[in-house]
C-alpha atoms as a PDB file:
ATOM      1  CA  MET A   1     -12.146  10.354  11.175  1.00  0.00           C
ATOM      2  CA  GLN A   2     -15.525  11.185   9.559  1.00  0.00           C
ATOM      3  CA  LEU A   3     -14.120  14.220   7.839  1.00  0.00           C
ATOM      4  CA  ALA A   4     -11.288  12.197   6.277  1.00  0.00           C
ATOM      5  CA  ILE A   5     -13.909   9.686   5.074  1.00  0.00           C
ATOM      6  CA  ILE A   6     -16.063  12.460   3.572  1.00  0.00           C
ATOM      7  CA  GLY A   7     -13.155  14.119   2.094  1.00  0.00           C
ATOM      8  CA  LEU A   8     -11.975  10.936   0.404  1.00  0.00           C
ATOM      9  CA  GLY A   9     -15.534  10.599  -0.783  1.00  0.00           C
ATOM     10  CA  LEU A  10     -15.551  13.931  -2.275  1.00  0.00           C
ATOM     11  CA  LEU A  11     -12.082  13.698  -3.872  1.00  0.00           C
ATOM     12  CA  LEU A  12     -13.317  10.465  -5.646  1.00  0.00           C
ATOM     13  CA  LEU A  13     -16.394  12.250  -6.852  1.00  0.00           C
ATOM     14  CA  VAL A  14     -14.518  15.070  -8.177  1.00  0.00           C
ATOM     15  CA  ILE A  15     -12.279  12.549 -10.149  1.00  0.00           C
ATOM     16  CA  ALA A  16     -15.342  10.777 -11.403  1.00  0.00           C
ATOM     17  CA  PHE A  17     -16.618  14.260 -12.684  1.00  0.00           C
ATOM     18  CA  PHE A  18     -13.338  14.805 -14.605  1.00  0.00           C
ATOM     19  CA  THR A  19     -13.507  11.041 -16.088  1.00  0.00           C
ATOM     20  CA  TYR A  20     -17.148  11.739 -17.110  1.00  0.00           C
ATOM     21  CA  SER A  21     -16.380  15.172 -18.699  1.00  0.00           C
ATOM     22  CA  ARG A  22     -13.444  13.659 -20.560  1.00  0.00           C
ATOM     23  CA  THR A  23     -15.582  10.767 -22.037  1.00  0.00           C
ATOM     24  CA  LYS A  24     -18.292  13.131 -23.097  1.00  0.00           C
ATOM     25  CA  LYS A  25     -15.912  15.252 -24.716  1.00  0.00           C
ATOM     26  CA  LEU A  26     -14.464  12.249 -26.582  1.00  0.00           C
ATOM     27  CA  LEU A  27     -17.862  11.191 -27.723  1.00  0.00           C
ATOM     28  CA  LYS A  28     -18.704  14.807 -28.779  1.00  0.00           C
ATOM     29  CA  VAL A  29     -15.383  15.799 -30.674  1.00  0.00           C
ATOM     30  CA  GLY A  30     -14.320  12.175 -31.450  1.00  0.00           C
ATOM     31  CA  ILE A  31     -14.216  10.303 -34.787  1.00  0.00           C
ATOM     32  CA  THR A  32     -15.430   6.824 -34.784  1.00  0.00           C
ATOM     33  CA  THR A  33     -13.818   4.152 -36.971  1.00  0.00           C
ATOM     34  CA  MET A  34     -12.995   0.364 -37.140  1.00  0.00           C
ATOM     35  CA  ALA A  35      -9.870  -0.961 -35.641  1.00  0.00           C
ATOM     36  CA  GLU A  36      -8.391  -4.424 -35.970  1.00  0.00           C
ATOM     37  CA  ILE A  37      -7.049  -6.334 -32.937  1.00  0.00           C
ATOM     38  CA  ILE A  38      -3.402  -7.173 -33.579  1.00  0.00           C
ATOM     39  CA  ASP A  39      -2.352  -8.692 -30.088  1.00  0.00           C
ATOM     40  CA  VAL A  40      -3.950  -9.473 -26.794  1.00  0.00           C
ATOM     41  CA  VAL A  41      -1.850  -8.688 -23.783  1.00  0.00           C
ATOM     42  CA  GLU A  42      -2.492 -11.040 -20.624  1.00  0.00           C
ATOM     43  CA  LYS A  43      -1.728  -9.495 -17.379  1.00  0.00           C
ATOM     44  CA  GLN A  44      -1.875 -11.410 -14.180  1.00  0.00           C
ATOM     45  CA  SER A  45      -2.134  -9.699 -10.799  1.00  0.00           C
ATOM     46  CA  GLN A  46      -1.864 -11.586  -7.337  1.00  0.00           C
ATOM     47  CA  ASP A  47      -3.979 -10.767  -4.138  1.00  0.00           C
ATOM     48  CA  TYR A  48      -3.572 -11.862  -0.627  1.00  0.00           C
ATOM     49  CA  ASP A  49      -6.104 -12.088   1.989  1.00  0.00           C
ATOM     50  CA  GLU A  50      -5.680 -11.571   5.693  1.00  0.00           C
ATOM     51  CA  ASP A  51      -4.629 -15.186   6.240  1.00  0.00           C
ATOM     52  CA  GLY A  52      -1.791 -14.883   3.868  1.00  0.00           C
ATOM     53  CA  TYR A  53      -3.579 -16.929   1.128  1.00  0.00           C
ATOM     54  CA  SER A  54      -3.082 -15.744  -2.447  1.00  0.00           C
ATOM     55  CA  SER A  55      -5.222 -15.675  -5.455  1.00  0.00           C
ATOM     56  CA  THR A  56      -4.175 -14.928  -9.122  1.00  0.00           C
ATOM     57  CA  THR A  57      -6.256 -13.058 -11.427  1.00  0.00           C
ATOM     58  CA  THR A  58      -5.732 -12.818 -15.170  1.00  0.00           C
ATOM     59  CA  ASN A  59      -7.167 -10.351 -17.438  1.00  0.00           C
ATOM     60  CA  TYR A  60      -6.637  -9.694 -21.360  1.00  0.00           C
ATOM     61  CA  TYR A  61      -6.283  -6.304 -22.829  1.00  0.00           C
ATOM     62  CA  PRO A  62      -6.627  -6.018 -26.565  1.00  0.00           C
ATOM     63  CA  VAL A  63      -4.003  -4.005 -28.587  1.00  0.00           C
ATOM     64  CA  LEU A  64      -5.677  -2.469 -31.635  1.00  0.00           C
ATOM     65  CA  LYS A  65      -4.599  -0.534 -34.706  1.00  0.00           C
ATOM     66  CA  PHE A  66      -6.477   1.697 -36.855  1.00  0.00           C
ATOM     67  CA  GLN A  67      -5.870   4.383 -39.334  1.00  0.00           C
ATOM     68  CA  THR A  68      -6.973   8.031 -38.629  1.00  0.00           C
ATOM     69  CA  LYS A  69      -8.935  10.163 -41.307  1.00  0.00           C
ATOM     70  CA  ASP A  70      -5.599  11.736 -42.424  1.00  0.00           C
ATOM     71  CA  GLY A  71      -3.866   8.366 -42.866  1.00  0.00           C
ATOM     72  CA  GLN A  72      -1.848   8.014 -39.572  1.00  0.00           C
ATOM     73  CA  ASP A  73      -1.571   4.478 -38.125  1.00  0.00           C
ATOM     74  CA  VAL A  74      -2.340   4.312 -34.549  1.00  0.00           C
ATOM     75  CA  GLN A  75      -1.935   1.456 -32.035  1.00  0.00           C
ATOM     76  CA  PHE A  76      -3.205   1.638 -28.536  1.00  0.00           C
ATOM     77  CA  GLN A  77      -3.874  -0.882 -25.784  1.00  0.00           C
ATOM     78  CA  ALA A  78      -7.419  -0.950 -24.297  1.00  0.00           C
ATOM     79  CA  SER A  79      -7.454   0.579 -20.677  1.00  0.00           C
ATOM     80  CA  VAL A  80     -10.102  -1.979 -19.169  1.00  0.00           C
ATOM     81  CA  GLY A  81      -9.220  -5.737 -19.330  1.00  0.00           C
ATOM     82  CA  VAL A  82     -11.501  -8.647 -19.417  1.00  0.00           C
ATOM     83  CA  SER A  83     -11.310 -11.917 -17.507  1.00  0.00           C
ATOM     84  CA  SER A  84     -12.466 -14.000 -20.535  1.00  0.00           C
ATOM     85  CA  LYS A  85      -9.651 -15.243 -22.778  1.00  0.00           C
ATOM     86  CA  ASN A  86     -12.122 -15.732 -25.664  1.00  0.00           C
ATOM     87  CA  LYS A  87     -13.677 -12.102 -25.583  1.00  0.00           C
ATOM     88  CA  TYR A  88     -10.984 -10.940 -27.954  1.00  0.00           C
ATOM     89  CA  LYS A  89      -9.192 -12.423 -30.818  1.00  0.00           C
ATOM     90  CA  VAL A  90      -6.415 -11.296 -32.964  1.00  0.00           C
ATOM     91  CA  GLY A  91      -7.856 -10.033 -36.371  1.00  0.00           C
ATOM     92  CA  GLN A  92     -11.233  -9.154 -34.787  1.00  0.00           C
ATOM     93  CA  LYS A  93     -12.535  -5.677 -35.547  1.00  0.00           C
ATOM     94  CA  LEU A  94     -13.905  -3.353 -33.098  1.00  0.00           C
ATOM     95  CA  GLU A  95     -15.534   0.115 -33.282  1.00  0.00           C
ATOM     96  CA  VAL A  96     -13.250   2.703 -31.603  1.00  0.00           C
ATOM     97  CA  VAL A  97     -13.504   6.466 -31.146  1.00  0.00           C
ATOM     98  CA  TYR A  98     -10.592   8.990 -31.019  1.00  0.00           C
ATOM     99  CA  ASP A  99     -10.037  12.557 -30.479  1.00  0.00           C
ATOM    100  CA  PRO A 100      -8.311  13.670 -33.761  1.00  0.00           C
ATOM    101  CA  SER A 101      -5.873  15.755 -31.697  1.00  0.00           C
ATOM    102  CA  LYS A 102      -4.905  12.701 -29.521  1.00  0.00           C
ATOM    103  CA  PRO A 103      -5.536   9.655 -31.409  1.00  0.00           C
ATOM    104  CA  GLU A 104      -3.209   7.594 -29.302  1.00  0.00           C
ATOM    105  CA  LYS A 105      -5.724   8.060 -26.532  1.00  0.00           C
ATOM    106  CA  ALA A 106      -8.648   5.972 -28.450  1.00  0.00           C
ATOM    107  CA  LYS A 107     -10.976   3.962 -26.742  1.00  0.00           C
ATOM    108  CA  ILE A 108     -13.091   0.963 -27.601  1.00  0.00           C
ATOM    109  CA  LYS A 109     -16.592   2.054 -28.187  1.00  0.00           C
ATOM    110  CA  SER A 110     -18.303   0.128 -25.689  1.00  0.00           C
ATOM    111  CA  PHE A 111     -20.235   0.931 -22.399  1.00  0.00           C
ATOM    112  CA  ILE A 112     -17.795  -0.717 -20.145  1.00  0.00           C
ATOM    113  CA  GLN A 113     -14.673   0.564 -21.980  1.00  0.00           C
ATOM    114  CA  LEU A 114     -15.928   4.275 -21.949  1.00  0.00           C
ATOM    115  CA  TRP A 115     -17.974   4.337 -18.542  1.00  0.00           C
ATOM    116  CA  LEU A 116     -16.768   1.692 -16.083  1.00  0.00           C
ATOM    117  CA  ILE A 117     -14.107   3.805 -14.314  1.00  0.00           C
ATOM    118  CA  THR A 118     -16.408   6.760 -13.852  1.00  0.00           C
ATOM    119  CA  ILE A 119     -19.149   4.562 -12.517  1.00  0.00           C
ATOM    120  CA  ILE A 120     -16.844   2.718  -9.923  1.00  0.00           C
ATOM    121  CA  LEU A 121     -15.474   6.183  -8.854  1.00  0.00           C
ATOM    122  CA  THR A 122     -18.759   7.511  -8.415  1.00  0.00           C
ATOM    123  CA  VAL A 123     -20.250   4.727  -6.459  1.00  0.00           C
ATOM    124  CA  ILE A 124     -17.306   4.540  -4.034  1.00  0.00           C
ATOM    125  CA  GLY A 125     -17.107   8.206  -3.552  1.00  0.00           C
ATOM    126  CA  ALA A 126     -20.991   8.369  -2.693  1.00  0.00           C
ATOM    127  CA  VAL A 127     -20.672   5.559  -0.370  1.00  0.00           C
ATOM    128  CA  PHE A 128     -17.819   7.156   1.373  1.00  0.00           C
ATOM    129  CA  VAL A 129     -19.578  10.595   1.662  1.00  0.00           C
ATOM    130  CA  VAL A 130     -22.846   8.818   2.878  1.00  0.00           C
ATOM    131  CA  ALA A 131     -20.935   6.844   5.410  1.00  0.00           C
ATOM    132  CA  GLY A 132     -18.998   9.658   6.629  1.00  0.00           C
ATOM    133  CA  ILE A 133     -22.081  11.725   7.226  1.00  0.00           C
ATOM    134  CA  LEU A 134     -23.952   8.648   8.927  1.00  0.00           C
ATOM    135  CA  THR A 135     -21.151   8.029  11.356  1.00  0.00           C
ATOM    136  CA  ALA A 136     -20.945  11.679  12.273  1.00  0.00           C
END
């Protein structure tokens, strides 16, 4: 069992490394520009606890539009949502960064949008590895 926990932790750390590398590359070769929020998508998810009680969580994902340096119009939806309905408003301008070869994979240029997934994977992966080693 300990080897499975350590293995899962190592797998998460490898995935975290790849997300880190991809974000570093985007920031190195990417072009920064301003984008306009054209829509805010509301997504709800429902979770159940061990007693069968449910809770609903709502997150809001901005849909942005920008123009590349060569004049191409691009739309994309942020990959990380927020719980505050008032965080993003249609018409609001945000700084984004995009890879010229893949502008549709643009990211909002903020710490959370760029690094949250990497941080979560790193922390969980490290906890699994340490827990697996300590229980061995």
